[in-house]
Protein backbone atom coordinates (compact mmCIF):
# COMPACT_ATOMS: atom_id res chain seq x y z
CA MET A 1 6.80 -22.57 24.55
CA ALA A 2 3.56 -24.48 24.02
CA ILE A 3 3.75 -27.70 22.01
CA LYS A 4 1.53 -28.31 18.99
CA VAL A 5 -1.20 -30.85 19.73
CA ILE A 6 -2.62 -32.57 16.65
CA THR A 7 -4.58 -35.68 15.70
CA ALA A 8 -3.09 -38.83 14.21
CA GLN A 9 -4.83 -37.97 10.94
CA GLN A 10 -3.17 -34.54 10.86
CA ALA A 11 0.19 -36.17 11.53
CA ALA A 12 -0.30 -38.68 8.72
CA ALA A 13 -1.22 -35.85 6.33
CA MET A 14 2.21 -34.27 6.90
CA ILE A 15 4.18 -37.27 5.59
CA ARG A 16 5.50 -36.73 2.05
CA ASP A 17 6.39 -39.11 -0.78
CA GLY A 18 9.84 -40.67 -0.58
CA GLN A 19 10.51 -39.82 3.07
CA THR A 20 12.17 -42.16 5.57
CA GLY A 21 10.29 -42.89 8.76
CA CYS A 22 11.17 -44.75 11.92
CA SER A 23 9.19 -46.15 14.81
CA GLN A 24 9.70 -47.86 18.14
CA GLY A 25 8.18 -50.93 19.74
CA MET A 26 8.97 -54.58 20.40
CA GLY A 27 6.37 -57.15 19.45
CA GLY A 28 3.23 -55.76 21.06
CA ASN A 29 5.01 -53.32 23.40
CA ASP A 30 5.19 -49.52 23.07
CA VAL A 31 3.76 -49.35 19.54
CA ALA A 32 2.39 -46.00 18.30
CA GLU A 33 -0.60 -47.87 16.87
CA GLU A 34 -2.87 -44.89 16.22
CA LEU A 35 -0.22 -43.07 14.18
CA LEU A 36 0.55 -46.14 12.06
CA LEU A 37 -3.16 -46.81 11.55
CA ALA A 38 -3.77 -43.23 10.43
CA LEU A 39 -0.93 -43.46 7.91
CA GLU A 40 -2.45 -46.63 6.46
CA GLU A 41 -5.92 -45.09 6.28
CA ARG A 42 -4.62 -42.04 4.43
CA PHE A 43 -2.85 -44.22 1.85
CA VAL A 44 -5.89 -46.44 1.30
CA ALA A 45 -8.12 -43.39 0.86
CA THR A 46 -5.82 -41.21 -1.28
CA GLY A 47 -2.90 -43.31 -2.55
CA GLU A 48 -0.50 -41.05 -0.63
CA PRO A 49 2.18 -40.93 0.59
CA ARG A 50 4.18 -43.19 -1.72
CA ASN A 51 7.57 -44.91 -1.68
CA LEU A 52 8.36 -44.53 2.00
CA SER A 53 11.47 -46.05 3.56
CA TRP A 54 11.27 -47.34 7.13
CA MET A 55 13.70 -48.14 9.94
CA HIS A 56 13.01 -50.18 13.07
CA SER A 57 15.24 -52.11 15.43
CA SER A 58 12.61 -54.43 16.94
CA GLY A 59 9.70 -56.07 15.18
CA GLN A 60 6.42 -54.30 15.94
CA GLY A 61 3.15 -56.14 15.50
CA ASP A 62 0.76 -58.87 16.59
CA LYS A 63 1.58 -61.44 13.86
CA ALA A 64 -1.62 -60.37 12.14
CA THR A 65 -2.71 -56.81 11.28
CA ARG A 66 -1.41 -54.34 13.87
CA GLY A 67 1.87 -52.45 14.22
CA LEU A 68 4.07 -52.25 11.14
CA ASN A 69 1.61 -54.51 9.29
CA HIS A 70 -0.23 -51.23 8.59
CA LEU A 71 2.60 -50.29 6.20
CA ALA A 72 2.21 -53.43 4.08
CA HIS A 73 0.72 -51.83 0.98
CA GLU A 74 2.37 -51.89 -2.42
CA GLY A 75 3.21 -48.30 -3.29
CA LEU A 76 3.21 -47.07 0.30
CA LEU A 77 6.42 -48.84 1.33
CA SER A 78 9.44 -49.33 -0.94
CA TRP A 79 12.42 -49.93 1.43
CA ILE A 80 12.76 -51.29 4.95
CA LEU A 81 15.54 -51.91 7.47
CA GLY A 82 14.60 -54.03 10.45
CA GLY A 83 16.04 -56.16 13.19
CA HIS A 84 13.07 -58.52 13.42
CA PHE A 85 10.11 -59.34 11.18
CA ASN A 86 8.34 -62.20 12.94
CA PRO A 87 5.45 -60.00 14.26
CA VAL A 88 4.81 -58.52 10.80
CA PRO A 89 3.77 -61.31 8.39
CA LYS A 90 2.36 -58.83 5.87
CA ILE A 91 5.76 -57.16 5.54
CA GLN A 92 7.38 -60.61 5.26
CA GLU A 93 5.11 -61.41 2.33
CA MET A 94 6.08 -58.21 0.53
CA ILE A 95 9.76 -59.01 1.04
CA CYS A 96 9.37 -62.57 -0.27
CA ASP A 97 7.49 -61.29 -3.32
CA ASN A 98 10.28 -58.77 -4.12
CA LYS A 99 7.86 -55.86 -3.77
CA ILE A 100 10.18 -53.87 -1.48
CA GLN A 101 13.90 -53.65 -0.82
CA ALA A 102 14.65 -55.09 2.61
CA TYR A 103 17.54 -55.56 5.03
CA ASN A 104 17.82 -57.47 8.28
CA LEU A 105 20.63 -56.33 10.59
CA PRO A 106 21.25 -57.18 14.26
CA GLN A 107 18.79 -55.44 16.55
CA GLY A 108 21.55 -53.93 18.67
CA VAL A 109 23.38 -52.59 15.63
CA ILE A 110 20.26 -50.73 14.47
CA SER A 111 19.67 -49.51 18.02
CA HIS A 112 23.17 -48.07 18.12
CA MET A 113 22.75 -46.73 14.60
CA PHE A 114 20.03 -44.35 15.83
CA ARG A 115 22.38 -43.10 18.53
CA ASP A 116 25.25 -42.74 16.05
CA MET A 117 23.09 -40.87 13.54
CA ALA A 118 22.14 -38.48 16.33
CA ALA A 119 25.80 -37.86 17.12
CA LYS A 120 26.75 -37.89 13.40
CA ARG A 121 29.41 -40.54 13.84
CA PRO A 122 29.93 -43.90 12.07
CA THR A 123 28.54 -47.20 13.29
CA ILE A 124 31.47 -49.61 13.68
CA THR A 125 31.27 -52.92 15.54
CA ARG A 126 32.37 -56.56 15.45
CA ILE A 127 28.75 -57.66 15.76
CA GLY A 128 27.67 -59.51 12.63
CA LEU A 129 31.05 -60.78 11.43
CA GLU A 130 30.82 -64.21 9.76
CA THR A 131 27.00 -64.24 9.98
CA PHE A 132 24.51 -63.62 7.18
CA VAL A 133 24.78 -59.85 7.71
CA ASP A 134 28.48 -59.92 6.76
CA PRO A 135 28.73 -58.52 3.20
CA ARG A 136 30.97 -61.45 2.26
CA ILE A 137 28.05 -63.81 2.96
CA GLU A 138 24.62 -62.19 2.38
CA GLY A 139 25.08 -58.64 3.62
CA GLY A 140 21.74 -58.73 5.41
CA LYS A 141 19.92 -58.44 2.07
CA LEU A 142 16.59 -60.28 2.13
CA ASN A 143 15.59 -60.58 -1.52
CA ASP A 144 16.70 -60.19 -5.13
CA VAL A 145 15.73 -56.53 -5.54
CA THR A 146 17.94 -55.50 -2.61
CA THR A 147 21.43 -54.93 -3.97
CA GLU A 148 23.13 -52.01 -2.20
CA GLU A 149 25.73 -53.05 0.38
CA PHE A 150 24.93 -51.95 3.93
CA SER A 151 28.33 -52.64 5.48
CA THR A 152 32.03 -52.84 4.72
CA PRO A 153 34.68 -54.92 6.55
CA ILE A 154 37.45 -52.76 7.98
CA VAL A 155 40.53 -53.35 10.16
CA ILE A 156 41.38 -51.18 13.16
CA ASP A 157 44.53 -51.92 15.18
CA GLY A 158 44.72 -55.36 13.61
CA GLU A 159 41.11 -56.23 14.58
CA GLU A 160 38.36 -56.76 12.02
CA TYR A 161 35.11 -54.83 12.27
CA LEU A 162 32.04 -54.09 10.18
CA HIS A 163 31.36 -50.47 9.24
CA TYR A 164 27.58 -50.19 8.89
CA HIS A 165 26.65 -47.36 6.55
CA HIS A 166 23.75 -45.01 7.23
CA LEU A 167 22.00 -45.68 3.91
CA ARG A 168 18.93 -43.80 5.08
CA LYS A 169 18.45 -41.16 7.76
CA PRO A 170 14.96 -40.72 9.23
CA ASP A 171 12.92 -37.70 8.18
CA PHE A 172 10.27 -38.38 10.81
CA ALA A 173 9.61 -40.57 13.84
CA PHE A 174 6.40 -42.13 15.14
CA LEU A 175 7.12 -42.54 18.85
CA ARG A 176 5.06 -43.17 21.94
CA GLY A 177 5.01 -41.99 25.54
CA THR A 178 2.59 -42.05 28.43
CA TYR A 179 1.92 -38.34 29.06
CA ALA A 180 3.02 -35.08 27.47
CA ASP A 181 2.96 -31.74 29.22
CA GLU A 182 2.15 -28.45 27.54
CA ARG A 183 5.78 -27.97 26.53
CA GLY A 184 6.09 -31.39 24.94
CA ASN A 185 8.06 -33.13 27.67
CA ILE A 186 7.26 -36.85 27.37
CA SER A 187 7.04 -39.24 30.31
CA MET A 188 7.13 -43.02 29.88
CA GLU A 189 6.19 -44.16 33.37
CA GLU A 190 3.44 -46.50 32.16
CA GLU A 191 5.40 -48.13 29.34
CA PRO A 192 6.94 -51.62 29.72
CA CYS A 193 10.20 -50.65 27.99
CA TYR A 194 11.78 -47.55 26.49
CA LEU A 195 13.71 -49.08 23.57
CA GLU A 196 15.66 -46.28 21.81
CA SER A 197 12.81 -43.76 21.73
CA LEU A 198 15.09 -41.00 23.04
CA GLN A 199 17.88 -41.83 20.59
CA ALA A 200 15.45 -41.97 17.64
CA ALA A 201 14.10 -38.54 18.59
CA GLN A 202 17.66 -37.21 18.77
CA ALA A 203 18.54 -38.73 15.38
CA VAL A 204 15.50 -37.25 13.67
CA LYS A 205 15.88 -33.77 15.19
CA ASN A 206 19.62 -33.58 14.54
CA ASN A 207 19.01 -34.48 10.92
CA GLY A 208 16.33 -31.82 10.46
CA GLY A 209 13.31 -34.11 10.73
CA ILE A 210 9.97 -34.10 12.56
CA VAL A 211 9.16 -36.02 15.75
CA PHE A 212 5.58 -37.10 16.45
CA VAL A 213 4.80 -38.66 19.84
CA GLN A 214 1.57 -40.50 20.61
CA VAL A 215 0.47 -40.19 24.26
CA LYS A 216 -2.50 -41.03 26.46
CA GLN A 217 -3.09 -37.44 27.51
CA VAL A 218 -1.67 -33.91 27.60
CA VAL A 219 -1.22 -32.57 31.14
CA THR A 220 -0.37 -29.21 32.67
CA TYR A 221 3.23 -28.03 32.44
CA GLY A 222 4.96 -28.68 35.76
CA SER A 223 2.70 -31.56 36.75
CA LEU A 224 5.04 -34.29 35.48
CA ASP A 225 7.72 -35.61 37.80
CA MET A 226 10.84 -34.54 35.93
CA ARG A 227 12.50 -37.85 36.89
CA LYS A 228 9.92 -39.64 34.73
CA VAL A 229 10.44 -37.47 31.66
CA HIS A 230 12.26 -39.56 29.07
CA ILE A 231 12.11 -37.35 25.98
CA PRO A 232 12.51 -33.60 26.54
CA GLY A 233 10.18 -31.23 24.75
CA THR A 234 13.12 -29.78 22.84
CA LEU A 235 13.13 -32.99 20.76
CA VAL A 236 9.37 -33.11 20.12
CA ASP A 237 7.52 -31.31 17.33
CA TYR A 238 3.98 -32.64 17.66
CA VAL A 239 2.05 -34.45 20.39
CA VAL A 240 -0.76 -36.80 19.38
CA PRO A 241 -3.23 -37.72 22.18
CA VAL A 242 -4.95 -40.99 21.25
CA SER A 243 -8.63 -40.90 20.41
CA ASP A 244 -9.08 -44.55 21.42
CA LEU A 245 -7.08 -46.15 24.23
CA ARG A 246 -7.33 -49.49 22.43
CA ASN A 247 -4.69 -47.98 20.13
CA HIS A 248 -2.46 -47.37 23.15
CA MET A 249 -2.36 -50.78 24.84
CA MET A 250 0.62 -51.45 27.09
CA THR A 251 1.15 -54.60 25.04
CA PHE A 252 -1.11 -56.04 22.36
CA ASP A 253 -2.14 -58.61 24.99
CA GLU A 254 -2.94 -56.25 27.88
CA GLN A 255 -4.38 -52.77 28.16
CA PHE A 256 -2.29 -52.08 31.26
CA ASN A 257 -0.29 -54.10 33.78
CA PRO A 258 1.19 -51.99 36.60
CA ALA A 259 3.76 -54.70 37.45
CA TYR A 260 5.48 -54.18 34.10
CA CYS A 261 6.45 -50.58 34.82
CA GLY A 262 7.18 -50.56 38.55
CA ASN A 263 3.84 -49.17 39.75
CA CYS A 264 3.52 -52.24 41.95
CA ARG A 265 5.07 -55.63 42.51
CA VAL A 266 3.03 -58.82 42.35
CA PRO A 267 3.77 -62.36 43.55
CA THR A 268 5.62 -64.31 40.87
CA ALA A 269 4.76 -67.80 42.09
CA SER A 270 1.92 -67.91 39.57
CA ALA A 271 3.78 -66.02 36.87
CA ARG A 272 5.09 -69.28 35.41
CA GLN A 273 3.00 -72.35 34.82
CA GLU A 274 4.44 -75.69 35.86
CA LEU A 275 5.79 -77.58 32.86
CA VAL A 276 4.86 -81.19 32.14
CA LEU A 277 7.80 -83.56 31.75
CA ASP A 278 7.84 -83.45 27.94
CA ALA A 279 10.74 -83.06 25.51
CA LYS A 280 10.95 -79.31 26.02
CA LYS A 281 11.13 -79.60 29.80
CA LEU A 282 13.85 -82.23 29.49
CA VAL A 283 15.85 -79.70 27.47
CA SER A 284 15.22 -77.00 30.07
CA ARG A 285 16.27 -79.31 32.92
CA ARG A 286 19.56 -80.21 31.23
CA ALA A 287 20.15 -76.56 30.40
CA ALA A 288 19.55 -75.60 34.04
CA LEU A 289 22.58 -77.70 35.00
CA GLU A 290 24.69 -74.99 33.33
CA LEU A 291 23.35 -72.18 35.57
CA ILE A 292 25.89 -69.97 37.30
CA GLY A 293 25.16 -68.43 40.69
CA ASP A 294 24.71 -64.63 40.79
CA ALA A 295 24.67 -64.57 36.99
CA VAL A 296 23.16 -62.00 34.66
CA ILE A 297 21.27 -64.02 32.05
CA ASN A 298 19.36 -63.50 28.82
CA LEU A 299 16.63 -66.05 28.08
CA GLY A 300 15.39 -66.26 24.51
CA ILE A 301 11.74 -66.80 23.72
CA GLY A 302 10.37 -70.33 23.38
CA VAL A 303 12.16 -73.37 24.82
CA PRO A 304 14.78 -71.26 26.69
CA GLU A 305 11.99 -69.70 28.77
CA GLY A 306 11.61 -73.09 30.43
CA VAL A 307 15.01 -72.68 32.09
CA GLY A 308 13.48 -69.98 34.29
CA VAL A 309 10.62 -72.30 35.20
CA VAL A 310 13.03 -75.05 36.22
CA ALA A 311 15.10 -72.57 38.24
CA ASP A 312 11.91 -71.63 40.12
CA GLU A 313 11.04 -75.28 40.76
CA GLU A 314 14.52 -76.00 42.06
CA GLY A 315 14.64 -72.98 44.37
CA LEU A 316 17.46 -71.29 42.44
CA ARG A 317 15.67 -68.18 41.25
CA ASP A 318 16.90 -65.82 43.99
CA ARG A 319 20.48 -65.79 42.67
CA LEU A 320 19.65 -65.16 39.03
CA THR A 321 19.08 -61.84 37.29
CA LEU A 322 17.24 -62.10 34.00
CA SER A 323 17.47 -59.33 31.44
CA ILE A 324 15.89 -58.60 28.07
CA GLU A 325 17.46 -56.76 25.15
CA SER A 326 14.58 -54.24 25.12
CA GLY A 327 15.84 -52.81 28.45
CA PRO A 328 14.33 -54.49 31.54
CA VAL A 329 16.78 -55.88 34.10
CA GLY A 330 15.48 -58.32 36.70
CA GLY A 331 12.00 -59.68 37.14
CA VAL A 332 10.29 -62.35 35.06
CA PRO A 333 10.34 -61.88 31.25
CA VAL A 334 6.92 -61.95 29.61
CA GLY A 335 6.32 -64.49 26.84
CA GLY A 336 4.29 -64.39 23.65
CA ILE A 337 3.44 -61.10 21.94
CA GLY A 338 4.31 -59.30 25.19
CA PHE A 339 7.96 -60.40 24.94
CA GLY A 340 10.11 -57.39 25.72
CA ALA A 341 8.28 -56.58 28.95
CA SER A 342 9.23 -57.97 32.35
CA LEU A 343 7.11 -58.62 35.43
CA ASN A 344 8.56 -56.82 38.50
CA PRO A 345 11.75 -55.50 36.85
CA ASP A 346 14.47 -53.98 39.01
CA CYS A 347 14.99 -51.23 36.43
CA ILE A 348 14.39 -50.46 32.77
CA LEU A 349 17.28 -49.23 30.63
CA ASP A 350 17.22 -47.73 27.16
CA GLN A 351 17.67 -50.51 24.63
CA SER A 352 20.85 -48.99 23.20
CA THR A 353 22.33 -48.91 26.71
CA GLN A 354 21.30 -52.52 27.31
CA PHE A 355 23.11 -53.50 24.12
CA ASP A 356 26.22 -51.66 25.34
CA THR A 357 26.23 -54.11 28.25
CA TYR A 358 25.56 -57.08 25.99
CA ASP A 359 28.10 -56.18 23.29
CA GLY A 360 30.79 -55.66 25.91
CA GLY A 361 30.32 -59.14 27.39
CA GLY A 362 28.17 -58.08 30.34
CA LEU A 363 26.03 -61.22 30.20
CA ASP A 364 27.34 -64.21 32.13
CA LEU A 365 25.12 -66.71 30.36
CA ALA A 366 22.70 -66.77 27.44
CA TYR A 367 20.07 -69.37 26.59
CA LEU A 368 18.81 -69.14 23.01
CA GLY A 369 16.63 -71.23 20.73
CA LEU A 370 17.97 -74.07 18.59
CA ALA A 371 15.87 -73.91 15.45
CA GLU A 372 18.47 -75.34 13.08
CA ALA A 373 22.19 -76.16 13.50
CA ASP A 374 24.82 -77.70 11.25
CA LYS A 375 28.09 -79.63 11.38
CA PHE A 376 30.11 -76.44 11.74
CA GLY A 377 28.17 -75.38 14.83
CA ASN A 378 26.34 -72.65 12.91
CA VAL A 379 22.80 -71.89 14.09
CA ASN A 380 19.90 -70.47 12.09
CA VAL A 381 16.94 -68.78 13.77
CA SER A 382 16.30 -66.08 11.18
CA LYS A 383 15.09 -67.65 7.93
CA PHE A 384 13.14 -70.82 7.11
CA GLY A 385 12.23 -71.28 3.48
CA PRO A 386 10.14 -68.24 2.51
CA ARG A 387 9.54 -67.20 6.13
CA ILE A 388 11.80 -64.37 7.29
CA ALA A 389 11.78 -64.13 11.07
CA GLY A 390 14.88 -61.96 11.35
CA ALA A 391 17.76 -62.08 13.79
CA GLY A 392 16.48 -59.73 16.48
CA GLY A 393 19.02 -59.45 19.29
CA PHE A 394 20.29 -63.00 18.69
CA ILE A 395 23.53 -62.01 16.96
CA ASN A 396 24.50 -59.39 19.56
CA ILE A 397 23.84 -61.80 22.40
CA THR A 398 25.49 -64.91 20.98
CA GLN A 399 28.61 -63.17 19.67
CA SER A 400 29.37 -61.35 22.90
CA THR A 401 28.53 -63.79 25.71
CA GLN A 402 31.18 -66.20 26.96
CA ASN A 403 28.74 -69.00 27.83
CA VAL A 404 26.08 -69.68 25.19
CA ILE A 405 23.55 -72.51 25.47
CA PHE A 406 21.32 -73.37 22.51
CA CYS A 407 18.13 -75.18 23.53
CA GLY A 408 15.75 -77.16 21.38
CA THR A 409 14.42 -80.57 20.48
CA MET A 410 16.39 -82.71 18.04
CA THR A 411 13.46 -83.08 15.64
CA ALA A 412 10.26 -81.12 15.13
CA GLY A 413 6.77 -81.72 13.83
CA GLY A 414 5.16 -84.64 15.61
CA LEU A 415 7.88 -85.51 18.12
CA LYS A 416 6.53 -87.35 21.16
CA VAL A 417 8.62 -88.79 23.97
CA ALA A 418 7.96 -90.68 27.17
CA VAL A 419 9.93 -90.93 30.39
CA GLU A 420 9.81 -94.37 32.00
CA ASP A 421 11.87 -95.57 34.97
CA GLY A 422 14.40 -92.77 34.52
CA LYS A 423 14.89 -93.47 30.82
CA LEU A 424 13.83 -91.69 27.64
CA ARG A 425 11.77 -93.39 24.95
CA ILE A 426 11.03 -91.85 21.57
CA VAL A 427 7.34 -92.59 21.03
CA SER A 428 7.12 -90.94 17.60
CA GLU A 429 9.89 -89.14 15.75
CA GLY A 430 9.53 -85.60 14.45
CA ARG A 431 9.18 -85.14 10.72
CA THR A 432 11.88 -82.45 10.47
CA LYS A 433 15.53 -82.92 11.39
CA LYS A 434 16.92 -79.79 13.03
CA LEU A 435 20.58 -80.82 12.97
CA VAL A 436 21.41 -80.49 9.28
CA ASP A 437 24.45 -80.60 7.02
CA LYS A 438 24.19 -76.86 6.24
CA VAL A 439 21.89 -74.27 7.79
CA GLN A 440 19.75 -72.10 5.52
CA GLN A 441 21.19 -68.95 7.05
CA ILE A 442 24.05 -68.30 9.48
CA THR A 443 22.64 -66.37 12.45
CA PHE A 444 25.33 -67.74 14.77
CA SER A 445 28.79 -68.55 13.42
CA GLY A 446 30.56 -71.57 14.90
CA SER A 447 33.81 -70.38 13.34
CA PHE A 448 33.58 -66.93 14.94
CA ALA A 449 32.76 -68.47 18.36
CA THR A 450 35.66 -70.91 18.12
CA LYS A 451 38.13 -68.11 17.41
CA ALA A 452 36.61 -66.05 20.25
CA GLY A 453 37.06 -68.94 22.70
CA GLN A 454 33.39 -69.09 23.66
CA ASN A 455 31.90 -71.98 25.61
CA VAL A 456 28.98 -73.20 23.46
CA LEU A 457 26.58 -76.09 24.09
CA TYR A 458 23.71 -77.44 21.99
CA ILE A 459 21.19 -79.18 24.25
CA THR A 460 18.39 -81.44 23.04
CA GLU A 461 16.11 -83.83 24.90
CA ARG A 462 18.25 -86.82 23.93
CA ALA A 463 21.76 -85.54 23.25
CA VAL A 464 24.15 -82.75 24.18
CA PHE A 465 26.82 -81.38 21.85
CA ARG A 466 29.76 -79.03 22.47
CA LEU A 467 31.34 -76.67 19.94
CA GLU A 468 34.95 -77.79 19.48
CA ASP A 469 37.35 -76.64 16.76
CA GLY A 470 34.62 -75.25 14.58
CA GLY A 471 32.37 -78.30 14.73
CA MET A 472 29.87 -80.16 16.91
CA THR A 473 31.03 -82.92 19.24
CA LEU A 474 28.54 -85.30 20.89
CA ILE A 475 29.30 -85.40 24.61
CA GLU A 476 26.14 -86.83 26.25
CA ILE A 477 23.17 -89.02 25.34
CA ALA A 478 19.99 -89.70 27.29
CA PRO A 479 19.60 -92.98 29.17
CA GLY A 480 17.42 -95.38 27.20
CA VAL A 481 18.09 -94.04 23.71
CA ASP A 482 19.94 -95.88 20.98
CA LEU A 483 22.97 -93.94 19.76
CA GLN A 484 22.59 -94.92 16.13
CA ARG A 485 18.80 -95.04 15.70
CA ASP A 486 17.75 -92.16 17.96
CA VAL A 487 20.68 -89.79 17.56
CA LEU A 488 22.97 -90.32 14.57
CA ASP A 489 20.20 -91.38 12.17
CA GLN A 490 18.23 -88.23 13.10
CA MET A 491 21.04 -85.91 12.02
CA GLY A 492 22.02 -84.61 8.60
CA PHE A 493 25.71 -85.12 9.35
CA THR A 494 27.94 -87.34 11.44
CA PRO A 495 29.31 -85.45 14.45
CA ARG A 496 32.49 -86.06 16.30
CA ILE A 497 31.81 -88.39 19.21
CA SER A 498 33.67 -87.67 22.43
CA GLN A 499 35.88 -90.46 23.74
CA GLU A 500 34.32 -89.63 27.10
CA LEU A 501 30.72 -89.86 25.88
CA LYS A 502 28.45 -90.23 28.91
CA GLU A 503 24.79 -90.41 29.83
CA MET A 504 22.86 -87.28 30.67
CA ASP A 505 22.13 -86.78 34.38
CA SER A 506 19.49 -89.35 35.35
CA ARG A 507 17.67 -86.80 37.55
CA ILE A 508 16.51 -85.04 34.39
CA PHE A 509 14.32 -88.03 33.52
CA ARG A 510 12.42 -88.37 36.79
CA CYS A 511 9.17 -86.64 37.67
CA GLU A 512 10.28 -85.26 41.04
CA PRO A 513 12.45 -82.12 41.31
CA MET A 514 16.12 -82.70 40.58
CA GLY A 515 17.24 -81.36 43.96
CA LEU A 516 19.66 -78.83 42.49
CA THR A 517 21.70 -76.60 44.79
CA TRP A 518 24.22 -73.92 43.96
CA GLU A 519 26.88 -75.95 45.75
CA SER A 520 26.28 -78.96 43.50
CA LEU A 521 26.12 -76.88 40.32
CA GLN A 522 29.39 -75.11 40.99
CA LYS A 523 31.42 -78.29 41.52
């Protein structure tokens, strides 16, 4: 049966008032840009459709105008559920101004929610307990006009879980593939990640909705390698070939990179730039001392990315497997707006499958950002004043991994340090203290981690803390720093101080490589 081929404008014209849509993408990866743009253009021209609801697991945008930023019009959008909002500042503004109802839930929970809606079963998980998405804290609600509870605590066999309700079910999906054949079979061989495109298509079709898929080109039936078909034509209603390939970039940074999708492998020696010995590299060096040989690791964006650089410098990279929540396993994760892609991956999984591994404890080690932490060991990476970044995959990763390392400088905004004769000197202190009495939002719960028996460290350029009994204990300080002036006075609380307080490894504060070996790390 031949598939219906239409334009993005024809697709946008089919969307009705009050419907619930969903889309896929992560940052600048895999975004059905032409479909979203056409929907915006129709609304601007006609004022229709109105009062749409939207669901997405990963933030989709370029931190400016593209991706889900196209939906940021009062009257067009009235309700949104998302895992991450950092790439969509226009949506953030609408949320902060109470112009739409909005929820932030863990990225992996939403990913699994699509799969559960397809199978018409409930979404029940421990992910989110004791964080801001727990209904006993904030319930994932992002503003005053959002009042309906998204989850309910339940107990099964003596264990507490959260039952996430399916408050909305998608009426249509804006998805993306590489090629479609004449029967609507969709290949994704030139996409950097698959996310839950298949599961979203299943959820929409099984709930009587319409699936639109943007592709580069329609090809003859039988010409696609069936092993590369990711969404069967039975789940696709309309195929939308792009009119402009600039609306089908592999990421919003690159039109196409064959090393992201396995078309070739490129040398990785130049994939990472050498880091200068600044505060962030000092953090990465200390964090690298926690590496485990033959480990499967998730590196968060920002400071944690430096751990991979240090591993390369120290010759440790060959026994590490890096993975990203979007699906890639192996290779070198891409930074910036391309985060979600990986250079030279070993394989690419569906995002929901990747989160099955993560939620079940399949990561050996996780390095995440330390934006703000408090005396209870709680960490906030999701909300800062009016800015709503969202949790992304942070909650899934940190609640399920035995060894969690938070990485960040102790202060921010103007911090400058110098390394002299193997000692650290604070040249100018940052204006903002990141270790505070109480975090603005609980993205990671120190209490939950304590009860789960997780090994948790908080590493800064001048001090290292360990989570113990639901609080932070100072266990190391950098050589050359003053305990009171440079550490305790720069905190919003007084931590426990270990009776065995020691100096951080002196090799961290020298310009030459540290000379790390797996034998020395595993002692």
